[in-house]
Amino acid sequence: MTSMPIRDPLTDHLLTPQNSALVLIDYQDAQIYSIPTDPDLYVPNAVALVKVARLFGLPIVVSTVQRDNGVNGDTIPQLREQLGDVPSIDRMSINAWEDEDFVHAVKATGRRKLIMGGLWTEVCLALPALDAMREGFEVYPVVDAVAGTTPDAHKWGLRRIVQAGAQPVSWVVVLSELQRDWSRQETAPGMLRLARERGGGFGTEIAIKLDRAVAPV
């Protein structure tokens, strides 16, 4: 039961803590109020995603739209609490990739794999995702942490960016892909805690494993 040697984390084709960044766009009350999907179905997953990024030390880029002019509020408190001192880059542009400060912040991470979430799926996520891929970034939309103005808008927004080359993931996939090996004990306990908090069936499985002392917490 010996794990294979760890691949180069900078050039690995899978997500690693060294090659990925988290990008969250427009998680604000105005967007949430305009989405018919119950926010309890996606906001907790976005919160879990931030916790994953914190656990693995990923750079985080956060953006809001029309906060500074008073039209919209800041990033929702549930996310802001987990983000700590990560600043929100405010914009006037609907497409975040058409804001110089936002693009500079993304490029300044030095990462080419972008784990992305945005409200709405079909606009605030799709437009910058398409532009980022055009500039050579790999985009991973987190499908269970986003939502659209209608079910069809969400579905076709995701399909549009997937057809352009994006690789859809869930927040648990991001967690598992970054961890990859239970022997990486610097993050394994944190992974277990997150899985138990919000992992659904996966979290139940983890709880059973913990009862059997498969991995320490």
N, C-alpha and C. Protein backbone atom coordinates (compact mmCIF):
# COMPACT_ATOMS: atom_id res chain seq x y z
N MET A 1 0.83 -1.20 0.00
CA MET A 1 0.00 0.00 0.00
C MET A 1 0.86 1.25 0.00
N THR A 2 1.90 1.24 -0.81
CA THR A 2 2.79 2.40 -0.92
C THR A 2 2.31 3.32 -2.02
N SER A 3 2.12 4.59 -1.70
CA SER A 3 1.69 5.56 -2.71
C SER A 3 2.80 5.78 -3.73
N MET A 4 2.39 6.09 -4.96
CA MET A 4 3.37 6.42 -5.98
C MET A 4 4.02 7.76 -5.63
N PRO A 5 5.23 8.00 -6.13
CA PRO A 5 5.89 9.28 -5.86
C PRO A 5 5.01 10.45 -6.31
N ILE A 6 5.01 11.52 -5.53
CA ILE A 6 4.21 12.69 -5.85
C ILE A 6 4.72 13.32 -7.15
N ARG A 7 3.79 13.57 -8.08
CA ARG A 7 4.16 14.22 -9.33
C ARG A 7 4.51 15.68 -9.06
N ASP A 8 5.15 16.29 -10.04
CA ASP A 8 5.50 17.70 -9.89
C ASP A 8 4.22 18.51 -9.69
N PRO A 9 4.04 19.13 -8.52
CA PRO A 9 2.78 19.82 -8.24
C PRO A 9 2.57 21.07 -9.09
N LEU A 10 3.62 21.57 -9.70
CA LEU A 10 3.48 22.75 -10.55
C LEU A 10 2.99 22.41 -11.95
N THR A 11 3.34 21.22 -12.43
CA THR A 11 2.99 20.83 -13.80
C THR A 11 1.94 19.72 -13.85
N ASP A 12 1.50 19.25 -12.70
CA ASP A 12 0.48 18.19 -12.64
C ASP A 12 -0.76 18.63 -13.43
N HIS A 13 -1.34 17.70 -14.20
CA HIS A 13 -2.55 18.05 -14.95
C HIS A 13 -3.78 18.13 -14.06
N LEU A 14 -3.68 17.57 -12.86
CA LEU A 14 -4.76 17.68 -11.89
C LEU A 14 -4.53 18.90 -10.99
N LEU A 15 -5.56 19.26 -10.24
CA LEU A 15 -5.44 20.38 -9.30
C LEU A 15 -4.48 20.03 -8.18
N THR A 16 -3.60 20.96 -7.85
CA THR A 16 -2.72 20.82 -6.69
C THR A 16 -2.72 22.15 -5.93
N PRO A 17 -2.28 22.13 -4.68
CA PRO A 17 -2.19 23.40 -3.94
C PRO A 17 -1.21 24.38 -4.55
N GLN A 18 -0.31 23.89 -5.39
CA GLN A 18 0.72 24.75 -5.98
C GLN A 18 0.36 25.30 -7.35
N ASN A 19 -0.68 24.75 -8.00
CA ASN A 19 -0.97 25.22 -9.36
C ASN A 19 -2.35 25.85 -9.52
N SER A 20 -3.07 26.02 -8.41
CA SER A 20 -4.47 26.44 -8.49
C SER A 20 -4.74 27.70 -7.67
N ALA A 21 -5.76 28.43 -8.09
CA ALA A 21 -6.25 29.58 -7.33
C ALA A 21 -7.78 29.53 -7.32
N LEU A 22 -8.37 30.11 -6.29
CA LEU A 22 -9.83 30.20 -6.19
C LEU A 22 -10.27 31.60 -6.58
N VAL A 23 -11.28 31.68 -7.45
CA VAL A 23 -11.82 32.96 -7.91
C VAL A 23 -13.33 32.96 -7.66
N LEU A 24 -13.80 33.93 -6.88
CA LEU A 24 -15.22 34.04 -6.55
C LEU A 24 -15.73 35.41 -6.98
N ILE A 25 -16.84 35.41 -7.72
CA ILE A 25 -17.33 36.63 -8.34
C ILE A 25 -18.79 36.89 -7.97
N ASP A 26 -19.05 38.04 -7.39
CA ASP A 26 -20.41 38.58 -7.19
C ASP A 26 -21.30 37.72 -6.29
N TYR A 27 -20.74 37.23 -5.21
CA TYR A 27 -21.55 36.56 -4.20
C TYR A 27 -22.12 37.64 -3.27
N GLN A 28 -23.13 38.34 -3.78
CA GLN A 28 -23.74 39.48 -3.11
C GLN A 28 -25.25 39.27 -2.99
N ASP A 29 -25.86 39.97 -2.03
CA ASP A 29 -27.29 39.80 -1.80
C ASP A 29 -28.13 40.06 -3.04
N ALA A 30 -27.78 41.07 -3.81
CA ALA A 30 -28.58 41.41 -4.99
C ALA A 30 -28.66 40.24 -5.96
N GLN A 31 -27.54 39.55 -6.13
CA GLN A 31 -27.53 38.39 -7.02
C GLN A 31 -28.36 37.24 -6.42
N ILE A 32 -28.16 37.01 -5.14
CA ILE A 32 -28.86 35.90 -4.50
C ILE A 32 -30.37 36.11 -4.54
N TYR A 33 -30.83 37.35 -4.30
CA TYR A 33 -32.27 37.63 -4.31
C TYR A 33 -32.88 37.42 -5.69
N SER A 34 -32.09 37.52 -6.74
CA SER A 34 -32.62 37.38 -8.09
C SER A 34 -32.55 35.95 -8.62
N ILE A 35 -32.09 35.03 -7.78
CA ILE A 35 -31.94 33.63 -8.17
C ILE A 35 -33.03 32.80 -7.50
N PRO A 36 -33.85 32.07 -8.27
CA PRO A 36 -34.94 31.30 -7.65
C PRO A 36 -34.47 30.09 -6.86
N THR A 37 -33.28 29.60 -7.14
CA THR A 37 -32.76 28.43 -6.42
C THR A 37 -32.55 28.77 -4.95
N ASP A 38 -32.94 27.87 -4.07
CA ASP A 38 -32.73 28.06 -2.63
C ASP A 38 -31.24 28.27 -2.36
N PRO A 39 -30.86 29.39 -1.75
CA PRO A 39 -29.43 29.62 -1.50
C PRO A 39 -28.79 28.58 -0.59
N ASP A 40 -29.61 27.88 0.19
CA ASP A 40 -29.05 26.83 1.03
C ASP A 40 -28.48 25.68 0.21
N LEU A 41 -28.81 25.65 -1.08
CA LEU A 41 -28.30 24.60 -1.95
C LEU A 41 -26.93 24.92 -2.54
N TYR A 42 -26.53 26.21 -2.51
CA TYR A 42 -25.23 26.54 -3.11
C TYR A 42 -24.35 27.43 -2.24
N VAL A 43 -24.92 28.29 -1.41
CA VAL A 43 -24.08 29.15 -0.57
C VAL A 43 -23.21 28.36 0.40
N PRO A 44 -23.75 27.35 1.12
CA PRO A 44 -22.87 26.57 2.00
C PRO A 44 -21.73 25.88 1.25
N ASN A 45 -21.97 25.51 0.01
CA ASN A 45 -20.90 24.89 -0.78
C ASN A 45 -19.83 25.92 -1.15
N ALA A 46 -20.25 27.15 -1.42
CA ALA A 46 -19.27 28.21 -1.68
C ALA A 46 -18.44 28.49 -0.43
N VAL A 47 -19.10 28.47 0.73
CA VAL A 47 -18.38 28.65 1.99
C VAL A 47 -17.39 27.52 2.20
N ALA A 48 -17.83 26.29 1.93
CA ALA A 48 -16.93 25.14 2.05
C ALA A 48 -15.74 25.28 1.11
N LEU A 49 -15.99 25.82 -0.06
CA LEU A 49 -14.92 26.01 -1.05
C LEU A 49 -13.85 26.97 -0.52
N VAL A 50 -14.27 28.04 0.13
CA VAL A 50 -13.30 28.96 0.73
C VAL A 50 -12.50 28.26 1.82
N LYS A 51 -13.17 27.44 2.61
CA LYS A 51 -12.47 26.69 3.65
C LYS A 51 -11.44 25.74 3.04
N VAL A 52 -11.79 25.13 1.91
CA VAL A 52 -10.84 24.27 1.21
C VAL A 52 -9.63 25.07 0.76
N ALA A 53 -9.88 26.23 0.16
CA ALA A 53 -8.77 27.07 -0.30
C ALA A 53 -7.88 27.49 0.86
N ARG A 54 -8.47 27.81 1.99
CA ARG A 54 -7.69 28.17 3.17
C ARG A 54 -6.86 26.99 3.66
N LEU A 55 -7.47 25.83 3.69
CA LEU A 55 -6.77 24.63 4.17
C LEU A 55 -5.52 24.35 3.35
N PHE A 56 -5.63 24.48 2.04
CA PHE A 56 -4.52 24.13 1.16
C PHE A 56 -3.66 25.32 0.74
N GLY A 57 -3.96 26.48 1.27
CA GLY A 57 -3.14 27.65 1.00
C GLY A 57 -3.26 28.21 -0.40
N LEU A 58 -4.43 28.06 -1.02
CA LEU A 58 -4.62 28.59 -2.37
C LEU A 58 -4.78 30.11 -2.33
N PRO A 59 -4.22 30.81 -3.32
CA PRO A 59 -4.55 32.23 -3.45
C PRO A 59 -6.04 32.38 -3.75
N ILE A 60 -6.65 33.43 -3.21
CA ILE A 60 -8.08 33.68 -3.41
C ILE A 60 -8.26 35.07 -4.00
N VAL A 61 -9.03 35.15 -5.08
CA VAL A 61 -9.40 36.43 -5.67
C VAL A 61 -10.91 36.57 -5.57
N VAL A 62 -11.36 37.68 -5.00
CA VAL A 62 -12.79 37.92 -4.80
C VAL A 62 -13.16 39.23 -5.48
N SER A 63 -14.31 39.24 -6.15
CA SER A 63 -14.75 40.47 -6.81
C SER A 63 -16.23 40.71 -6.54
N THR A 64 -16.58 41.98 -6.46
CA THR A 64 -17.97 42.41 -6.33
C THR A 64 -18.28 43.39 -7.47
N VAL A 65 -19.57 43.61 -7.68
CA VAL A 65 -19.98 44.56 -8.71
C VAL A 65 -20.83 45.66 -8.08
N GLN A 66 -20.49 46.90 -8.34
CA GLN A 66 -21.22 48.08 -7.89
C GLN A 66 -21.43 48.11 -6.37
N ARG A 67 -20.42 47.71 -5.64
CA ARG A 67 -20.47 47.85 -4.18
C ARG A 67 -20.09 49.27 -3.77
N ASP A 68 -19.02 49.77 -4.35
CA ASP A 68 -18.48 51.06 -3.90
C ASP A 68 -19.41 52.23 -4.20
N ASN A 69 -20.28 52.09 -5.20
CA ASN A 69 -21.21 53.19 -5.49
C ASN A 69 -22.54 53.03 -4.76
N GLY A 70 -22.63 52.01 -3.91
CA GLY A 70 -23.80 51.84 -3.06
C GLY A 70 -24.96 51.11 -3.68
N VAL A 71 -24.84 50.68 -4.92
CA VAL A 71 -25.94 49.97 -5.56
C VAL A 71 -26.12 48.58 -4.95
N ASN A 72 -25.01 47.89 -4.72
CA ASN A 72 -25.04 46.54 -4.14
C ASN A 72 -24.24 46.51 -2.85
N GLY A 73 -24.50 45.50 -2.05
CA GLY A 73 -23.73 45.31 -0.82
C GLY A 73 -22.43 44.57 -1.09
N ASP A 74 -21.71 44.30 -0.02
CA ASP A 74 -20.43 43.59 -0.12
C ASP A 74 -20.68 42.09 -0.30
N THR A 75 -19.63 41.34 -0.40
CA THR A 75 -19.72 39.88 -0.40
C THR A 75 -20.53 39.44 0.81
N ILE A 76 -21.39 38.45 0.64
CA ILE A 76 -22.29 38.03 1.72
C ILE A 76 -21.51 37.64 2.97
N PRO A 77 -22.09 37.89 4.15
CA PRO A 77 -21.37 37.66 5.41
C PRO A 77 -20.85 36.24 5.59
N GLN A 78 -21.60 35.25 5.12
CA GLN A 78 -21.16 33.86 5.29
C GLN A 78 -19.80 33.63 4.65
N LEU A 79 -19.60 34.22 3.48
CA LEU A 79 -18.32 34.10 2.79
C LEU A 79 -17.28 35.05 3.36
N ARG A 80 -17.70 36.28 3.64
CA ARG A 80 -16.76 37.27 4.15
C ARG A 80 -16.11 36.81 5.44
N GLU A 81 -16.88 36.13 6.29
CA GLU A 81 -16.33 35.62 7.55
C GLU A 81 -15.17 34.66 7.31
N GLN A 82 -15.30 33.81 6.29
CA GLN A 82 -14.26 32.83 5.99
C GLN A 82 -13.11 33.46 5.20
N LEU A 83 -13.40 34.50 4.46
CA LEU A 83 -12.36 35.13 3.62
C LEU A 83 -11.38 35.96 4.44
N GLY A 84 -11.80 36.40 5.61
CA GLY A 84 -10.89 37.18 6.44
C GLY A 84 -10.45 38.46 5.76
N ASP A 85 -9.13 38.64 5.62
CA ASP A 85 -8.61 39.89 5.07
C ASP A 85 -8.46 39.88 3.55
N VAL A 86 -8.99 38.86 2.88
CA VAL A 86 -8.95 38.86 1.41
C VAL A 86 -9.83 40.00 0.90
N PRO A 87 -9.28 40.93 0.13
CA PRO A 87 -10.08 42.09 -0.30
C PRO A 87 -11.06 41.71 -1.41
N SER A 88 -12.15 42.47 -1.49
CA SER A 88 -13.08 42.34 -2.62
C SER A 88 -12.74 43.43 -3.64
N ILE A 89 -12.46 43.02 -4.84
CA ILE A 89 -12.15 43.97 -5.91
C ILE A 89 -13.46 44.40 -6.55
N ASP A 90 -13.83 45.65 -6.33
CA ASP A 90 -15.11 46.11 -6.86
C ASP A 90 -14.96 46.58 -8.31
N ARG A 91 -16.05 46.41 -9.08
CA ARG A 91 -16.02 46.72 -10.50
C ARG A 91 -17.31 47.43 -10.91
N MET A 92 -17.25 48.04 -12.06
CA MET A 92 -18.45 48.51 -12.76
C MET A 92 -18.78 47.59 -13.92
N SER A 93 -17.80 46.86 -14.43
CA SER A 93 -18.02 45.99 -15.59
C SER A 93 -18.81 44.75 -15.19
N ILE A 94 -19.74 44.36 -16.03
CA ILE A 94 -20.48 43.12 -15.81
C ILE A 94 -19.55 41.93 -15.92
N ASN A 95 -18.70 41.95 -16.92
CA ASN A 95 -17.71 40.90 -17.12
C ASN A 95 -16.46 41.25 -16.30
N ALA A 96 -16.17 40.45 -15.29
CA ALA A 96 -15.03 40.75 -14.41
C ALA A 96 -13.73 40.81 -15.19
N TRP A 97 -13.62 40.06 -16.27
CA TRP A 97 -12.36 40.05 -17.04
C TRP A 97 -12.14 41.35 -17.80
N GLU A 98 -13.11 42.21 -17.81
CA GLU A 98 -12.95 43.53 -18.42
C GLU A 98 -12.64 44.60 -17.38
N ASP A 99 -12.23 44.17 -16.19
CA ASP A 99 -11.77 45.08 -15.15
C ASP A 99 -10.28 44.85 -14.93
N GLU A 100 -9.48 45.89 -15.09
CA GLU A 100 -8.02 45.75 -15.03
C GLU A 100 -7.55 45.24 -13.67
N ASP A 101 -8.12 45.75 -12.59
CA ASP A 101 -7.68 45.34 -11.25
C ASP A 101 -7.95 43.86 -11.02
N PHE A 102 -9.09 43.40 -11.48
CA PHE A 102 -9.43 41.99 -11.32
C PHE A 102 -8.47 41.11 -12.10
N VAL A 103 -8.27 41.42 -13.36
CA VAL A 103 -7.37 40.61 -14.19
C VAL A 103 -5.96 40.62 -13.62
N HIS A 104 -5.51 41.77 -13.16
CA HIS A 104 -4.17 41.86 -12.56
C HIS A 104 -4.09 40.97 -11.33
N ALA A 105 -5.12 40.96 -10.50
CA ALA A 105 -5.10 40.13 -9.29
C ALA A 105 -5.05 38.65 -9.63
N VAL A 106 -5.81 38.24 -10.65
CA VAL A 106 -5.79 36.84 -11.06
C VAL A 106 -4.40 36.46 -11.58
N LYS A 107 -3.86 37.28 -12.44
CA LYS A 107 -2.55 36.96 -13.01
C LYS A 107 -1.45 37.02 -11.96
N ALA A 108 -1.61 37.87 -10.95
CA ALA A 108 -0.61 38.00 -9.90
C ALA A 108 -0.51 36.76 -9.03
N THR A 109 -1.53 35.89 -9.05
CA THR A 109 -1.43 34.65 -8.28
C THR A 109 -0.37 33.72 -8.85
N GLY A 110 -0.06 33.87 -10.13
CA GLY A 110 0.91 32.98 -10.77
C GLY A 110 0.36 31.60 -11.07
N ARG A 111 -0.94 31.40 -10.88
CA ARG A 111 -1.55 30.09 -11.10
C ARG A 111 -2.30 30.08 -12.43
N ARG A 112 -2.26 28.93 -13.11
CA ARG A 112 -2.94 28.81 -14.40
C ARG A 112 -4.25 28.04 -14.31
N LYS A 113 -4.49 27.39 -13.18
CA LYS A 113 -5.75 26.65 -13.00
C LYS A 113 -6.63 27.47 -12.07
N LEU A 114 -7.78 27.90 -12.57
CA LEU A 114 -8.68 28.76 -11.82
C LEU A 114 -9.93 27.98 -11.42
N ILE A 115 -10.10 27.79 -10.14
CA ILE A 115 -11.31 27.19 -9.58
C ILE A 115 -12.30 28.33 -9.39
N MET A 116 -13.39 28.32 -10.16
CA MET A 116 -14.22 29.52 -10.25
C MET A 116 -15.65 29.30 -9.80
N GLY A 117 -16.18 30.31 -9.13
CA GLY A 117 -17.60 30.38 -8.80
C GLY A 117 -18.09 31.79 -9.03
N GLY A 118 -19.36 31.92 -9.42
CA GLY A 118 -19.91 33.25 -9.64
C GLY A 118 -21.42 33.22 -9.70
N LEU A 119 -22.03 34.32 -9.31
CA LEU A 119 -23.48 34.49 -9.39
C LEU A 119 -23.76 35.71 -10.28
N TRP A 120 -24.39 35.53 -11.39
CA TRP A 120 -25.06 34.37 -11.89
C TRP A 120 -24.15 33.47 -12.73
N THR A 121 -24.53 32.19 -12.85
CA THR A 121 -23.74 31.25 -13.65
C THR A 121 -23.56 31.74 -15.08
N GLU A 122 -24.66 32.17 -15.69
CA GLU A 122 -24.67 32.44 -17.13
C GLU A 122 -23.99 33.75 -17.51
N VAL A 123 -23.71 34.60 -16.52
CA VAL A 123 -23.10 35.90 -16.82
C VAL A 123 -21.82 36.10 -16.01
N CYS A 124 -21.97 36.23 -14.71
CA CYS A 124 -20.83 36.62 -13.86
C CYS A 124 -19.77 35.53 -13.77
N LEU A 125 -20.17 34.28 -13.97
CA LEU A 125 -19.20 33.19 -14.08
C LEU A 125 -18.78 32.97 -15.53
N ALA A 126 -19.76 32.87 -16.42
CA ALA A 126 -19.47 32.44 -17.79
C ALA A 126 -18.57 33.42 -18.54
N LEU A 127 -18.85 34.71 -18.45
CA LEU A 127 -18.09 35.66 -19.26
C LEU A 127 -16.61 35.71 -18.88
N PRO A 128 -16.24 35.88 -17.61
CA PRO A 128 -14.81 35.86 -17.29
C PRO A 128 -14.18 34.49 -17.50
N ALA A 129 -14.95 33.42 -17.33
CA ALA A 129 -14.40 32.09 -17.59
C ALA A 129 -14.01 31.95 -19.06
N LEU A 130 -14.86 32.40 -19.95
CA LEU A 130 -14.56 32.33 -21.38
C LEU A 130 -13.33 33.16 -21.73
N ASP A 131 -13.25 34.36 -21.16
CA ASP A 131 -12.09 35.21 -21.44
C ASP A 131 -10.81 34.63 -20.85
N ALA A 132 -10.90 34.07 -19.64
CA ALA A 132 -9.71 33.48 -19.01
C ALA A 132 -9.18 32.32 -19.85
N MET A 133 -10.08 31.48 -20.34
CA MET A 133 -9.64 30.36 -21.16
C MET A 133 -9.02 30.84 -22.46
N ARG A 134 -9.54 31.91 -22.99
CA ARG A 134 -8.98 32.46 -24.23
C ARG A 134 -7.55 32.93 -24.02
N GLU A 135 -7.22 33.31 -22.78
CA GLU A 135 -5.86 33.75 -22.47
C GLU A 135 -4.99 32.62 -21.92
N GLY A 136 -5.47 31.39 -22.04
CA GLY A 136 -4.63 30.25 -21.70
C GLY A 136 -4.80 29.68 -20.31
N PHE A 137 -5.74 30.21 -19.52
CA PHE A 137 -6.01 29.65 -18.20
C PHE A 137 -6.89 28.41 -18.33
N GLU A 138 -6.76 27.51 -17.38
CA GLU A 138 -7.67 26.37 -17.27
C GLU A 138 -8.72 26.73 -16.23
N VAL A 139 -9.98 26.53 -16.57
CA VAL A 139 -11.07 26.94 -15.70
C VAL A 139 -11.83 25.73 -15.18
N TYR A 140 -12.08 25.75 -13.88
CA TYR A 140 -12.82 24.68 -13.19
C TYR A 140 -14.03 25.30 -12.50
N PRO A 141 -15.19 25.36 -13.18
CA PRO A 141 -16.38 25.90 -12.53
C PRO A 141 -16.91 24.92 -11.48
N VAL A 142 -17.21 25.43 -10.31
CA VAL A 142 -17.69 24.58 -9.22
C VAL A 142 -19.21 24.56 -9.29
N VAL A 143 -19.76 23.50 -9.87
CA VAL A 143 -21.15 23.51 -10.30
C VAL A 143 -22.14 23.53 -9.15
N ASP A 144 -21.76 23.04 -7.98
CA ASP A 144 -22.70 23.04 -6.86
C ASP A 144 -22.52 24.25 -5.94
N ALA A 145 -21.71 25.21 -6.38
CA ALA A 145 -21.53 26.45 -5.62
C ALA A 145 -21.98 27.66 -6.43
N VAL A 146 -22.70 27.41 -7.53
CA VAL A 146 -23.17 28.50 -8.39
C VAL A 146 -24.65 28.28 -8.72
N ALA A 147 -25.28 29.33 -9.24
CA ALA A 147 -26.69 29.24 -9.63
C ALA A 147 -26.98 30.37 -10.61
N GLY A 148 -28.09 30.19 -11.35
CA GLY A 148 -28.46 31.17 -12.36
C GLY A 148 -29.85 31.73 -12.15
N THR A 149 -30.23 32.64 -13.02
CA THR A 149 -31.52 33.31 -12.89
C THR A 149 -32.70 32.39 -13.18
N THR A 150 -32.46 31.33 -13.93
CA THR A 150 -33.44 30.27 -14.14
C THR A 150 -32.67 28.96 -14.23
N PRO A 151 -33.35 27.82 -14.04
CA PRO A 151 -32.65 26.54 -14.22
C PRO A 151 -32.01 26.40 -15.60
N ASP A 152 -32.73 26.84 -16.64
CA ASP A 152 -32.16 26.76 -17.99
C ASP A 152 -30.95 27.67 -18.15
N ALA A 153 -31.04 28.87 -17.59
CA ALA A 153 -29.91 29.80 -17.69
C ALA A 153 -28.67 29.21 -17.03
N HIS A 154 -28.86 28.59 -15.88
CA HIS A 154 -27.75 27.93 -15.18
C HIS A 154 -27.19 26.79 -16.02
N LYS A 155 -28.09 25.92 -16.50
CA LYS A 155 -27.66 24.76 -17.27
C LYS A 155 -26.90 25.16 -18.52
N TRP A 156 -27.45 26.09 -19.27
CA TRP A 156 -26.82 26.46 -20.54
C TRP A 156 -25.61 27.35 -20.33
N GLY A 157 -25.58 28.09 -19.25
CA GLY A 157 -24.37 28.85 -18.92
C GLY A 157 -23.20 27.92 -18.66
N LEU A 158 -23.46 26.86 -17.88
CA LEU A 158 -22.41 25.87 -17.64
C LEU A 158 -22.03 25.16 -18.92
N ARG A 159 -23.04 24.79 -19.71
CA ARG A 159 -22.74 24.06 -20.94
C ARG A 159 -21.89 24.91 -21.89
N ARG A 160 -22.17 26.19 -21.92
CA ARG A 160 -21.41 27.08 -22.79
C ARG A 160 -19.92 27.07 -22.44
N ILE A 161 -19.60 27.19 -21.15
CA ILE A 161 -18.19 27.24 -20.79
C ILE A 161 -17.53 25.87 -20.85
N VAL A 162 -18.31 24.82 -20.62
CA VAL A 162 -17.75 23.47 -20.77
C VAL A 162 -17.42 23.20 -22.23
N GLN A 163 -18.30 23.61 -23.14
CA GLN A 163 -18.02 23.43 -24.56
C GLN A 163 -16.79 24.22 -25.00
N ALA A 164 -16.49 25.28 -24.27
CA ALA A 164 -15.30 26.09 -24.59
C ALA A 164 -14.04 25.53 -23.94
N GLY A 165 -14.20 24.48 -23.11
CA GLY A 165 -13.02 23.83 -22.55
C GLY A 165 -12.92 23.79 -21.04
N ALA A 166 -13.91 24.35 -20.33
CA ALA A 166 -13.88 24.31 -18.87
C ALA A 166 -14.10 22.89 -18.37
N GLN A 167 -13.59 22.61 -17.18
CA GLN A 167 -13.71 21.29 -16.57
C GLN A 167 -14.57 21.40 -15.31
N PRO A 168 -15.85 21.00 -15.38
CA PRO A 168 -16.75 21.18 -14.23
C PRO A 168 -16.37 20.26 -13.08
N VAL A 169 -16.48 20.80 -11.87
CA VAL A 169 -16.17 20.05 -10.65
C VAL A 169 -17.20 20.41 -9.59
N SER A 170 -17.25 19.61 -8.53
CA SER A 170 -18.00 19.97 -7.33
C SER A 170 -17.00 20.38 -6.25
N TRP A 171 -17.50 20.95 -5.16
CA TRP A 171 -16.55 21.38 -4.13
C TRP A 171 -15.85 20.18 -3.50
N VAL A 172 -16.54 19.03 -3.40
CA VAL A 172 -15.91 17.83 -2.84
C VAL A 172 -14.83 17.30 -3.78
N VAL A 173 -15.04 17.42 -5.08
CA VAL A 173 -14.00 17.04 -6.03
C VAL A 173 -12.76 17.90 -5.83
N VAL A 174 -12.96 19.21 -5.66
CA VAL A 174 -11.82 20.10 -5.41
C VAL A 174 -11.08 19.67 -4.15
N LEU A 175 -11.83 19.42 -3.09
CA LEU A 175 -11.23 18.98 -1.83
C LEU A 175 -10.42 17.70 -2.02
N SER A 176 -11.02 16.72 -2.66
CA SER A 176 -10.36 15.42 -2.83
C SER A 176 -9.17 15.49 -3.77
N GLU A 177 -9.29 16.28 -4.82
CA GLU A 177 -8.21 16.39 -5.81
C GLU A 177 -7.00 17.10 -5.22
N LEU A 178 -7.24 18.09 -4.39
CA LEU A 178 -6.12 18.79 -3.75
C LEU A 178 -5.44 17.91 -2.71
N GLN A 179 -6.22 17.10 -2.01
CA GLN A 179 -5.64 16.21 -0.99
C GLN A 179 -4.92 15.03 -1.65
N ARG A 180 -5.68 14.28 -2.45
CA ARG A 180 -5.16 13.20 -3.30
C ARG A 180 -4.63 11.99 -2.56
N ASP A 181 -4.08 12.14 -1.37
CA ASP A 181 -3.41 11.03 -0.70
C ASP A 181 -3.60 11.20 0.81
N TRP A 182 -4.15 10.16 1.45
CA TRP A 182 -4.39 10.23 2.90
C TRP A 182 -3.10 10.35 3.70
N SER A 183 -1.98 10.00 3.10
CA SER A 183 -0.72 10.07 3.85
C SER A 183 -0.21 11.51 3.98
N ARG A 184 -0.83 12.45 3.31
CA ARG A 184 -0.42 13.85 3.43
C ARG A 184 -1.06 14.44 4.69
N GLN A 185 -0.42 14.16 5.80
CA GLN A 185 -1.02 14.43 7.09
C GLN A 185 -1.09 15.91 7.46
N GLU A 186 -0.39 16.77 6.72
CA GLU A 186 -0.48 18.19 7.04
C GLU A 186 -1.86 18.76 6.72
N THR A 187 -2.59 18.10 5.80
CA THR A 187 -3.93 18.58 5.45
C THR A 187 -5.02 17.53 5.65
N ALA A 188 -4.67 16.27 5.85
CA ALA A 188 -5.68 15.22 5.99
C ALA A 188 -6.67 15.49 7.12
N PRO A 189 -6.23 15.91 8.31
CA PRO A 189 -7.21 16.18 9.37
C PRO A 189 -8.21 17.27 8.98
N GLY A 190 -7.72 18.32 8.33
CA GLY A 190 -8.62 19.39 7.90
C GLY A 190 -9.59 18.92 6.84
N MET A 191 -9.13 18.06 5.94
CA MET A 191 -10.02 17.50 4.93
C MET A 191 -11.15 16.71 5.58
N LEU A 192 -10.80 15.93 6.59
CA LEU A 192 -11.80 15.13 7.28
C LEU A 192 -12.84 16.02 7.96
N ARG A 193 -12.39 17.09 8.58
CA ARG A 193 -13.32 18.00 9.24
C ARG A 193 -14.30 18.62 8.24
N LEU A 194 -13.76 19.06 7.09
CA LEU A 194 -14.62 19.66 6.08
C LEU A 194 -15.61 18.65 5.52
N ALA A 195 -15.15 17.43 5.30
CA ALA A 195 -16.03 16.40 4.77
C ALA A 195 -17.17 16.10 5.73
N ARG A 196 -16.87 16.08 7.01
CA ARG A 196 -17.92 15.82 8.00
C ARG A 196 -18.91 16.98 8.07
N GLU A 197 -18.43 18.21 7.89
CA GLU A 197 -19.30 19.38 7.98
C GLU A 197 -20.32 19.44 6.85
N ARG A 198 -19.85 19.14 5.62
CA ARG A 198 -20.68 19.45 4.46
C ARG A 198 -20.57 18.40 3.37
N GLY A 199 -20.19 17.19 3.72
CA GLY A 199 -19.87 16.22 2.69
C GLY A 199 -20.98 15.31 2.25
N GLY A 200 -22.20 15.44 2.80
CA GLY A 200 -23.27 14.56 2.40
C GLY A 200 -22.92 13.10 2.66
N GLY A 201 -23.18 12.25 1.64
CA GLY A 201 -22.85 10.84 1.78
C GLY A 201 -21.36 10.62 2.00
N PHE A 202 -20.55 11.45 1.35
CA PHE A 202 -19.11 11.36 1.54
C PHE A 202 -18.76 11.65 2.99
N GLY A 203 -19.42 12.66 3.57
CA GLY A 203 -19.18 12.98 4.97
C GLY A 203 -19.57 11.84 5.89
N THR A 204 -20.67 11.15 5.56
CA THR A 204 -21.08 10.00 6.35
C THR A 204 -20.03 8.90 6.28
N GLU A 205 -19.52 8.67 5.09
CA GLU A 205 -18.46 7.67 4.93
C GLU A 205 -17.24 8.04 5.77
N ILE A 206 -16.88 9.33 5.76
CA ILE A 206 -15.74 9.79 6.53
C ILE A 206 -15.96 9.55 8.01
N ALA A 207 -17.18 9.84 8.48
CA ALA A 207 -17.49 9.63 9.89
C ALA A 207 -17.32 8.17 10.28
N ILE A 208 -17.74 7.28 9.38
CA ILE A 208 -17.59 5.85 9.65
C ILE A 208 -16.11 5.48 9.72
N LYS A 209 -15.33 6.03 8.79
CA LYS A 209 -13.89 5.74 8.80
C LYS A 209 -13.24 6.26 10.08
N LEU A 210 -13.69 7.42 10.52
CA LEU A 210 -13.12 7.96 11.75
C LEU A 210 -13.45 7.06 12.94
N ASP A 211 -14.66 6.53 12.94
CA ASP A 211 -15.03 5.62 14.02
C ASP A 211 -14.14 4.39 14.02
N ARG A 212 -13.65 4.03 12.84
CA ARG A 212 -12.76 2.87 12.73
C ARG A 212 -11.29 3.27 12.85
N ALA A 213 -11.07 4.56 13.10
CA ALA A 213 -9.70 5.07 13.30
C ALA A 213 -8.83 4.84 12.07
N VAL A 214 -9.43 5.01 10.87
CA VAL A 214 -8.64 4.87 9.66
C VAL A 214 -7.68 6.03 9.52
N ALA A 215 -8.13 7.23 9.88
CA ALA A 215 -7.28 8.41 9.77
C ALA A 215 -7.50 9.28 10.99
N PRO A 216 -6.44 9.89 11.52
CA PRO A 216 -6.59 10.71 12.71
C PRO A 216 -7.16 12.08 12.39
N VAL A 217 -7.77 12.71 13.39
CA VAL A 217 -8.26 14.07 13.27
C VAL A 217 -7.51 14.93 14.28
